[in-house]
Amino acid sequence: MKAEKIKILFFIGTLSSGGKERRLLELMTYLDRSEKYSMFLVTKQTEVMFENFQKLRVEWVSLSTKKLTLGSFFEFFRIAKEIKPDFVHTWGSKQTLIALPYHVIFKGSKLVNSQITSAPPTIPPSERLIAKINFHFSDVILSNSIAGIDAYGPPTEKALVIYNGLNLNRFEHLPDKAAIRDKFDIRTKYAVIMVATYSKNKDYERFFSVGKALSKLRTDTTFVGVGFFGDDGTIFRNMSRVCEGNDFLRPIPGTKEVEALVNACDLGVLFSNAKVHGEGISNSIIEYMALGKPVIANDAGGTREVVLNDWNGFLFDEESDSFIAAKIDSLLNSPEKLALMGLRSKEKIMNEFTLERMGAEFEKVYNNCLFRQKS
């Protein structure tokens, strides 16, 4: 007699693009290999940017409205009541809050809360209040960084850190680097890339300002800023105006060939707006590392847990654009150090950030919750 499958209901805002979205996709990819689970996904938007999602055995339901409203509580309750999941696994503070009525009424369903995906310098009072409510009712609270735990301060007896895990198959059989450079019109010897979202949380202005400073030192390096729009496209248009007339600065809208594009570059950069946003573990950074790239990033948040200054990259705080440009110039002038830092990055991913390691840790959380329920 076959054992009954464990039902997991995932709830996230969207699967369009972003770090936590990629992380959930990787988790579902891992769990899909097993016959133990029945997976269900609820989102508030119907757009899915990840092509391989369609290959997964996941039943997908979209809420009737894109914005989360009072009606979303009732709609999610109805969906969950019909599915009767063993776990509701939420990916966002609003999603967790909306899931609480079902969790409170149907106590047999465990609430796994993965809302901590960043490590902001300050948290608004309203957001902190919602987090406190969510944490009180959650069975387990998961963060993808130690810095996130420190920032939000969930109850220690419920909190765990599970680092992001990458499906390394994504980085195999990539297109030829020269062909990708040609496709994206990268004509210089070197290329420096920043992959993020064009939003207020990411500091593309600083990225391109460093590029301008570097172009005064050398004319063989292109700065490529690629990302989907986190607004109506205003930030991207502003960056396009900033870069106009400088052939070494290249803003590019989001692309599904991001892995191939990173692979064709030499350095990976991620600058965040430190006043409003603190990174947890950035998927962009660990993807740079998986492709053997040294990393340039803010000296803050969870980034310190993956990038070690002057070991596999450089971390900066308030240093000037010209200072950062000089560091990059020095690194590009030292091919041996560039290659060594890239190798260290890749080895760290292989040892600590694999999909197998992450998936096994999530499974352990599910199993422990089930064991406590039966005991």
Protein backbone atom coordinates (compact mmCIF):
# COMPACT_ATOMS: atom_id res chain seq x y z
CA MET A 1 0.00 0.00 0.00
CA LYS A 2 1.43 3.35 -1.05
CA ALA A 3 2.00 5.97 1.63
CA GLU A 4 -0.18 9.04 1.30
CA LYS A 5 1.68 11.94 -0.24
CA ILE A 6 2.61 14.98 1.83
CA LYS A 7 0.71 18.01 0.57
CA ILE A 8 2.59 21.31 0.48
CA LEU A 9 0.81 24.52 -0.42
CA PHE A 10 3.26 27.27 -1.41
CA PHE A 11 2.01 30.87 -1.33
CA ILE A 12 4.01 33.67 -2.97
CA GLY A 13 3.15 36.93 -4.68
CA THR A 14 4.52 36.07 -8.11
CA LEU A 15 6.94 33.87 -10.01
CA SER A 16 7.91 36.63 -12.43
CA SER A 17 11.49 37.37 -11.33
CA GLY A 18 13.50 37.92 -8.15
CA GLY A 19 15.64 36.11 -5.61
CA LYS A 20 13.01 34.52 -3.38
CA GLU A 21 11.04 33.54 -6.48
CA ARG A 22 14.07 31.77 -7.90
CA ARG A 23 14.69 30.12 -4.53
CA LEU A 24 11.14 28.74 -4.38
CA LEU A 25 11.45 27.47 -7.94
CA GLU A 26 14.67 25.67 -7.04
CA LEU A 27 12.98 24.10 -3.99
CA MET A 28 10.02 22.90 -6.05
CA THR A 29 12.47 21.51 -8.63
CA TYR A 30 14.18 19.51 -5.88
CA LEU A 31 10.94 18.21 -4.34
CA ASP A 32 9.58 17.30 -7.76
CA ARG A 33 12.22 14.56 -8.00
CA SER A 34 10.49 12.68 -5.18
CA GLU A 35 7.19 10.84 -5.19
CA LYS A 36 6.59 11.81 -1.54
CA TYR A 37 5.03 15.20 -2.23
CA SER A 38 1.99 16.76 -3.85
CA MET A 39 2.75 20.41 -4.50
CA PHE A 40 0.32 23.28 -4.92
CA LEU A 41 1.16 26.91 -5.67
CA VAL A 42 -0.94 30.01 -5.02
CA THR A 43 0.13 33.37 -6.46
CA LYS A 44 -1.52 36.77 -6.84
CA GLN A 45 -0.18 37.31 -10.36
CA THR A 46 -0.43 35.01 -13.36
CA GLU A 47 2.89 35.88 -14.99
CA VAL A 48 5.66 33.26 -14.73
CA MET A 49 9.13 34.14 -16.04
CA PHE A 50 10.75 30.79 -15.28
CA GLU A 51 10.32 28.46 -18.23
CA ASN A 52 11.10 25.24 -16.36
CA PHE A 53 8.19 25.83 -13.93
CA GLN A 54 5.85 24.41 -16.57
CA LYS A 55 7.72 21.09 -16.41
CA LEU A 56 7.09 20.63 -12.69
CA ARG A 57 4.24 18.59 -11.20
CA VAL A 58 2.72 21.55 -9.40
CA GLU A 59 -0.97 22.50 -9.34
CA TRP A 60 -1.09 26.26 -9.75
CA VAL A 61 -3.91 28.57 -8.65
CA SER A 62 -3.87 32.33 -9.11
CA LEU A 63 -5.90 34.64 -6.88
CA SER A 64 -8.62 36.55 -8.73
CA THR A 65 -7.09 39.98 -8.05
CA LYS A 66 -3.47 41.11 -8.47
CA LYS A 67 -3.60 43.27 -5.34
CA LEU A 68 -3.94 41.65 -1.93
CA THR A 69 -7.18 42.83 -0.36
CA LEU A 70 -9.56 41.75 2.41
CA GLY A 71 -11.12 39.40 -0.12
CA SER A 72 -7.75 37.66 -0.50
CA PHE A 73 -8.11 36.26 3.04
CA PHE A 74 -11.39 34.57 2.14
CA GLU A 75 -10.15 33.39 -1.26
CA PHE A 76 -6.98 31.84 0.14
CA PHE A 77 -8.97 30.24 2.97
CA ARG A 78 -11.30 28.62 0.43
CA ILE A 79 -8.40 27.32 -1.68
CA ALA A 80 -6.52 25.91 1.32
CA LYS A 81 -9.67 24.32 2.78
CA GLU A 82 -10.22 22.49 -0.50
CA ILE A 83 -6.61 21.26 -0.74
CA LYS A 84 -6.19 20.39 2.98
CA PRO A 85 -2.38 20.74 2.93
CA ASP A 86 -0.05 19.28 5.53
CA PHE A 87 2.02 22.45 5.17
CA VAL A 88 1.33 26.01 4.12
CA HIS A 89 4.71 27.40 3.15
CA THR A 90 4.58 31.17 2.73
CA TRP A 91 7.08 33.43 0.93
CA GLY A 92 6.32 36.99 2.01
CA SER A 93 4.98 38.86 5.03
CA LYS A 94 1.61 39.66 3.40
CA GLN A 95 1.20 36.10 2.19
CA THR A 96 1.90 34.80 5.70
CA LEU A 97 -0.62 37.19 7.22
CA ILE A 98 -3.31 36.11 4.72
CA ALA A 99 -2.61 32.44 5.51
CA LEU A 100 -3.06 32.91 9.28
CA PRO A 101 -6.87 32.45 9.49
CA TYR A 102 -6.68 29.05 7.80
CA HIS A 103 -3.71 28.03 9.96
CA VAL A 104 -5.40 29.10 13.20
CA ILE A 105 -8.67 27.32 12.42
CA PHE A 106 -7.18 24.15 10.91
CA LYS A 107 -4.36 23.49 13.34
CA GLY A 108 -3.38 20.22 11.68
CA SER A 109 -1.75 22.21 8.88
CA LYS A 110 1.69 23.50 9.79
CA LEU A 111 2.80 27.02 8.82
CA VAL A 112 6.35 27.29 7.48
CA ASN A 113 7.23 30.97 7.15
CA SER A 114 9.97 32.00 4.69
CA GLN A 115 9.24 35.73 4.75
CA ILE A 116 12.76 36.73 5.87
CA THR A 117 14.74 37.19 2.66
CA SER A 118 16.52 40.47 3.41
CA ALA A 119 18.38 42.22 6.20
CA PRO A 120 17.18 45.85 6.12
CA PRO A 121 19.02 48.47 8.19
CA THR A 122 15.70 49.67 9.62
CA ILE A 123 12.23 48.10 9.63
CA PRO A 124 9.14 50.37 9.62
CA PRO A 125 6.88 49.95 12.69
CA SER A 126 3.95 48.65 10.61
CA GLU A 127 6.13 46.00 8.97
CA ARG A 128 7.62 45.01 12.31
CA LEU A 129 4.11 44.62 13.80
CA ILE A 130 3.03 42.33 10.93
CA ALA A 131 6.22 40.32 11.37
CA LYS A 132 5.58 39.95 15.10
CA ILE A 133 2.05 38.64 14.45
CA ASN A 134 3.27 36.28 11.74
CA PHE A 135 6.10 34.97 13.90
CA HIS A 136 3.76 34.28 16.82
CA PHE A 137 1.55 31.93 14.79
CA SER A 138 4.23 30.33 12.58
CA ASP A 139 5.51 26.86 13.42
CA VAL A 140 8.89 27.52 11.82
CA ILE A 141 10.48 30.79 10.64
CA LEU A 142 13.15 30.45 7.97
CA SER A 143 15.68 33.00 6.82
CA ASN A 144 18.23 32.66 4.04
CA SER A 145 20.86 34.53 6.05
CA ILE A 146 22.08 35.03 9.61
CA ALA A 147 21.86 38.78 8.94
CA GLY A 148 18.11 38.42 8.28
CA ILE A 149 17.59 36.72 11.65
CA ASP A 150 19.52 39.53 13.35
CA ALA A 151 17.49 42.21 11.57
CA TYR A 152 13.99 40.82 12.24
CA GLY A 153 14.60 39.10 15.56
CA PRO A 154 12.12 36.19 15.36
CA PRO A 155 11.72 33.87 18.38
CA THR A 156 14.97 31.91 18.53
CA GLU A 157 13.22 28.60 19.27
CA LYS A 158 11.37 28.82 15.94
CA ALA A 159 14.06 30.37 13.73
CA LEU A 160 16.41 28.60 11.34
CA VAL A 161 18.77 29.66 8.56
CA ILE A 162 18.71 27.74 5.28
CA TYR A 163 21.06 29.14 2.69
CA ASN A 164 19.98 29.39 -0.93
CA GLY A 165 20.72 26.40 -3.12
CA LEU A 166 21.41 26.44 -6.83
CA ASN A 167 20.45 23.90 -9.42
CA LEU A 168 23.89 23.68 -11.01
CA ASN A 169 22.43 22.09 -14.14
CA ARG A 170 21.34 25.60 -15.10
CA PHE A 171 24.97 26.55 -15.66
CA GLU A 172 25.88 23.67 -17.93
CA HIS A 173 25.92 23.73 -21.74
CA LEU A 174 25.71 27.51 -21.92
CA PRO A 175 26.14 29.22 -25.28
CA ASP A 176 29.60 30.19 -26.48
CA LYS A 177 30.87 33.30 -24.66
CA ALA A 178 31.92 35.03 -27.88
CA ALA A 179 28.49 34.45 -29.40
CA ILE A 180 26.75 35.96 -26.36
CA ARG A 181 29.08 38.96 -26.35
CA ASP A 182 28.31 39.48 -30.00
CA LYS A 183 24.56 39.15 -29.41
CA PHE A 184 24.62 41.80 -26.67
CA ASP A 185 27.11 43.98 -28.56
CA ILE A 186 29.90 43.74 -25.99
CA ARG A 187 33.02 44.70 -27.94
CA THR A 188 35.55 45.29 -25.18
CA LYS A 189 38.06 42.83 -23.76
CA TYR A 190 36.42 42.84 -20.32
CA ALA A 191 32.82 43.11 -19.12
CA VAL A 192 31.46 43.84 -15.63
CA ILE A 193 27.83 42.90 -14.97
CA MET A 194 25.15 43.75 -12.42
CA VAL A 195 22.00 41.60 -12.44
CA ALA A 196 19.14 42.84 -10.29
CA THR A 197 15.79 44.59 -10.65
CA TYR A 198 15.54 48.19 -11.74
CA SER A 199 13.95 49.34 -8.48
CA LYS A 200 14.63 51.70 -5.59
CA ASN A 201 16.29 48.86 -3.67
CA LYS A 202 19.13 48.45 -6.17
CA ASP A 203 21.77 51.11 -6.79
CA TYR A 204 22.32 51.03 -10.53
CA GLU A 205 23.32 54.69 -10.36
CA ARG A 206 26.36 53.79 -8.30
CA PHE A 207 27.14 50.87 -10.61
CA PHE A 208 27.23 53.06 -13.70
CA SER A 209 29.07 55.85 -11.83
CA VAL A 210 31.84 53.36 -11.04
CA GLY A 211 31.79 52.40 -14.72
CA LYS A 212 32.28 56.03 -15.68
CA ALA A 213 35.18 56.32 -13.25
CA LEU A 214 36.77 53.15 -14.66
CA SER A 215 36.43 54.43 -18.24
CA LYS A 216 38.83 57.23 -17.28
CA LEU A 217 41.43 54.59 -16.34
CA ARG A 218 40.93 52.13 -19.20
CA THR A 219 38.87 51.79 -22.37
CA ASP A 220 38.63 48.00 -22.59
CA THR A 221 35.74 47.36 -20.14
CA THR A 222 31.96 47.51 -20.58
CA PHE A 223 29.58 47.84 -17.63
CA VAL A 224 26.39 45.85 -18.30
CA GLY A 225 23.40 46.55 -16.05
CA VAL A 226 20.64 44.00 -16.71
CA GLY A 227 17.32 43.67 -14.92
CA PHE A 228 13.57 43.48 -15.15
CA PHE A 229 11.58 46.53 -14.10
CA GLY A 230 10.42 46.88 -10.49
CA ASP A 231 8.32 49.92 -11.45
CA ASP A 232 6.89 51.36 -14.66
CA GLY A 233 10.34 51.51 -16.22
CA THR A 234 11.21 54.97 -14.87
CA ILE A 235 14.46 53.89 -13.21
CA PHE A 236 15.63 52.07 -16.34
CA ARG A 237 14.88 55.11 -18.50
CA ASN A 238 16.76 57.34 -16.05
CA MET A 239 19.77 55.04 -16.19
CA SER A 240 19.61 55.02 -19.99
CA ARG A 241 19.82 58.83 -19.97
CA VAL A 242 22.71 58.72 -17.48
CA CYS A 243 24.61 56.32 -19.74
CA GLU A 244 23.82 58.09 -23.01
CA GLY A 245 26.95 58.95 -24.97
CA ASN A 246 29.22 56.57 -23.03
CA ASP A 247 29.91 53.45 -25.09
CA PHE A 248 31.23 51.61 -22.05
CA LEU A 249 27.95 51.74 -20.10
CA ARG A 250 25.13 49.43 -21.20
CA PRO A 251 21.70 49.29 -19.45
CA ILE A 252 19.80 46.22 -20.71
CA PRO A 253 16.20 45.16 -19.89
CA GLY A 254 15.75 41.77 -18.24
CA THR A 255 16.59 38.71 -20.32
CA LYS A 256 16.02 34.98 -20.04
CA GLU A 257 19.66 34.49 -21.08
CA VAL A 258 21.01 35.92 -17.86
CA GLU A 259 23.17 32.89 -16.99
CA ALA A 260 24.83 32.97 -20.40
CA LEU A 261 25.35 36.73 -20.14
CA VAL A 262 26.97 36.47 -16.69
CA ASN A 263 29.14 33.65 -17.98
CA ALA A 264 30.39 35.92 -20.78
CA CYS A 265 31.45 38.62 -18.29
CA ASP A 266 34.46 38.82 -15.98
CA LEU A 267 33.16 40.36 -12.75
CA GLY A 268 29.79 40.34 -10.98
CA VAL A 269 28.56 43.41 -9.09
CA LEU A 270 25.60 44.04 -6.80
CA PHE A 271 25.11 47.46 -5.26
CA SER A 272 22.03 47.90 -3.09
CA ASN A 273 20.51 51.09 -1.78
CA ALA A 274 21.86 50.66 1.74
CA LYS A 275 19.50 53.29 3.22
CA VAL A 276 16.36 51.29 2.44
CA HIS A 277 17.43 47.75 1.65
CA GLY A 278 19.78 45.15 3.05
CA GLU A 279 20.51 41.94 1.18
CA GLY A 280 19.95 38.54 2.70
CA ILE A 281 21.71 36.02 0.48
CA SER A 282 21.44 37.43 -3.02
CA ASN A 283 20.73 34.95 -5.79
CA SER A 284 22.58 37.23 -8.19
CA ILE A 285 25.73 37.00 -6.10
CA ILE A 286 25.70 33.24 -5.71
CA GLU A 287 24.97 32.85 -9.42
CA TYR A 288 28.00 35.02 -10.22
CA MET A 289 30.00 32.76 -7.94
CA ALA A 290 28.65 29.55 -9.45
CA LEU A 291 29.92 30.80 -12.81
CA GLY A 292 33.36 31.45 -11.35
CA LYS A 293 33.24 35.24 -11.03
CA PRO A 294 34.76 37.45 -8.34
CA VAL A 295 32.12 39.68 -6.70
CA ILE A 296 31.98 43.41 -5.99
CA ALA A 297 29.24 44.31 -3.48
CA ASN A 298 28.11 46.26 -0.42
CA ASP A 299 29.80 45.43 2.85
CA ALA A 300 26.50 44.72 4.58
CA GLY A 301 23.81 42.15 5.37
CA GLY A 302 24.07 38.55 4.28
CA THR A 303 26.56 39.39 1.53
CA ARG A 304 29.29 39.16 4.18
CA GLU A 305 28.34 35.50 4.62
CA VAL A 306 29.24 34.61 1.02
CA VAL A 307 31.77 37.21 -0.14
CA LEU A 308 35.00 37.49 1.83
CA ASN A 309 36.82 40.74 1.21
CA ASP A 310 39.97 40.32 -0.90
CA TRP A 311 39.41 36.53 -1.01
CA ASN A 312 36.69 36.01 -3.61
CA GLY A 313 35.84 39.65 -4.21
CA PHE A 314 35.73 43.12 -2.68
CA LEU A 315 33.22 44.62 -0.25
CA PHE A 316 32.65 48.37 -0.10
CA ASP A 317 30.79 50.73 2.19
CA GLU A 318 31.18 54.50 1.70
CA GLU A 319 34.20 54.41 -0.60
CA SER A 320 34.20 56.75 -3.59
CA ASP A 321 33.44 55.67 -7.15
CA SER A 322 37.03 56.35 -8.15
CA PHE A 323 38.34 54.19 -5.28
CA ILE A 324 36.14 51.25 -6.33
CA ALA A 325 37.11 51.77 -9.98
CA ALA A 326 40.78 51.64 -9.01
CA LYS A 327 40.22 48.31 -7.22
CA ILE A 328 38.52 46.87 -10.29
CA ASP A 329 41.30 48.23 -12.50
CA SER A 330 43.90 46.54 -10.29
CA LEU A 331 42.03 43.23 -10.43
CA LEU A 332 41.65 43.32 -14.21
CA ASN A 333 45.37 44.02 -14.46
CA SER A 334 46.07 40.81 -12.52
CA PRO A 335 44.66 37.85 -14.51
CA GLU A 336 46.04 35.37 -11.97
CA LYS A 337 44.23 37.01 -9.05
CA LEU A 338 41.06 37.40 -11.12
CA ALA A 339 41.09 33.67 -11.93
CA LEU A 340 41.92 32.66 -8.33
CA MET A 341 39.10 34.73 -6.86
CA GLY A 342 36.70 33.25 -9.40
CA LEU A 343 37.82 29.73 -8.52
CA ARG A 344 37.29 30.41 -4.82
CA SER A 345 33.80 31.70 -5.56
CA LYS A 346 32.88 28.57 -7.48
CA GLU A 347 34.28 26.24 -4.83
CA LYS A 348 32.27 27.98 -2.11
CA ILE A 349 29.05 27.43 -4.08
CA MET A 350 29.91 23.78 -4.72
CA ASN A 351 30.52 23.22 -1.01
CA GLU A 352 27.78 25.29 0.63
CA PHE A 353 25.07 26.41 -1.81
CA THR A 354 23.95 23.40 -3.80
CA LEU A 355 20.32 22.56 -4.49
CA GLU A 356 20.79 19.16 -2.84
CA ARG A 357 21.98 20.72 0.40
CA MET A 358 19.17 23.31 0.48
CA GLY A 359 16.47 20.80 -0.48
CA ALA A 360 17.57 18.32 2.17
CA GLU A 361 17.42 21.04 4.85
CA PHE A 362 13.89 22.04 3.85
CA GLU A 363 12.86 18.37 3.91
CA LYS A 364 14.31 18.09 7.41
CA VAL A 365 12.11 21.02 8.50
CA TYR A 366 9.00 19.36 7.04
CA ASN A 367 9.84 15.99 8.62
CA ASN A 368 10.51 17.52 12.04
CA CYS A 369 7.15 19.32 11.93
CA LEU A 370 5.36 16.09 11.05
CA PHE A 371 7.19 14.19 13.79
CA ARG A 372 6.18 16.79 16.41
CA GLN A 373 2.60 16.61 15.18
CA LYS A 374 2.44 12.83 15.63
CA SER A 375 4.23 12.75 18.99
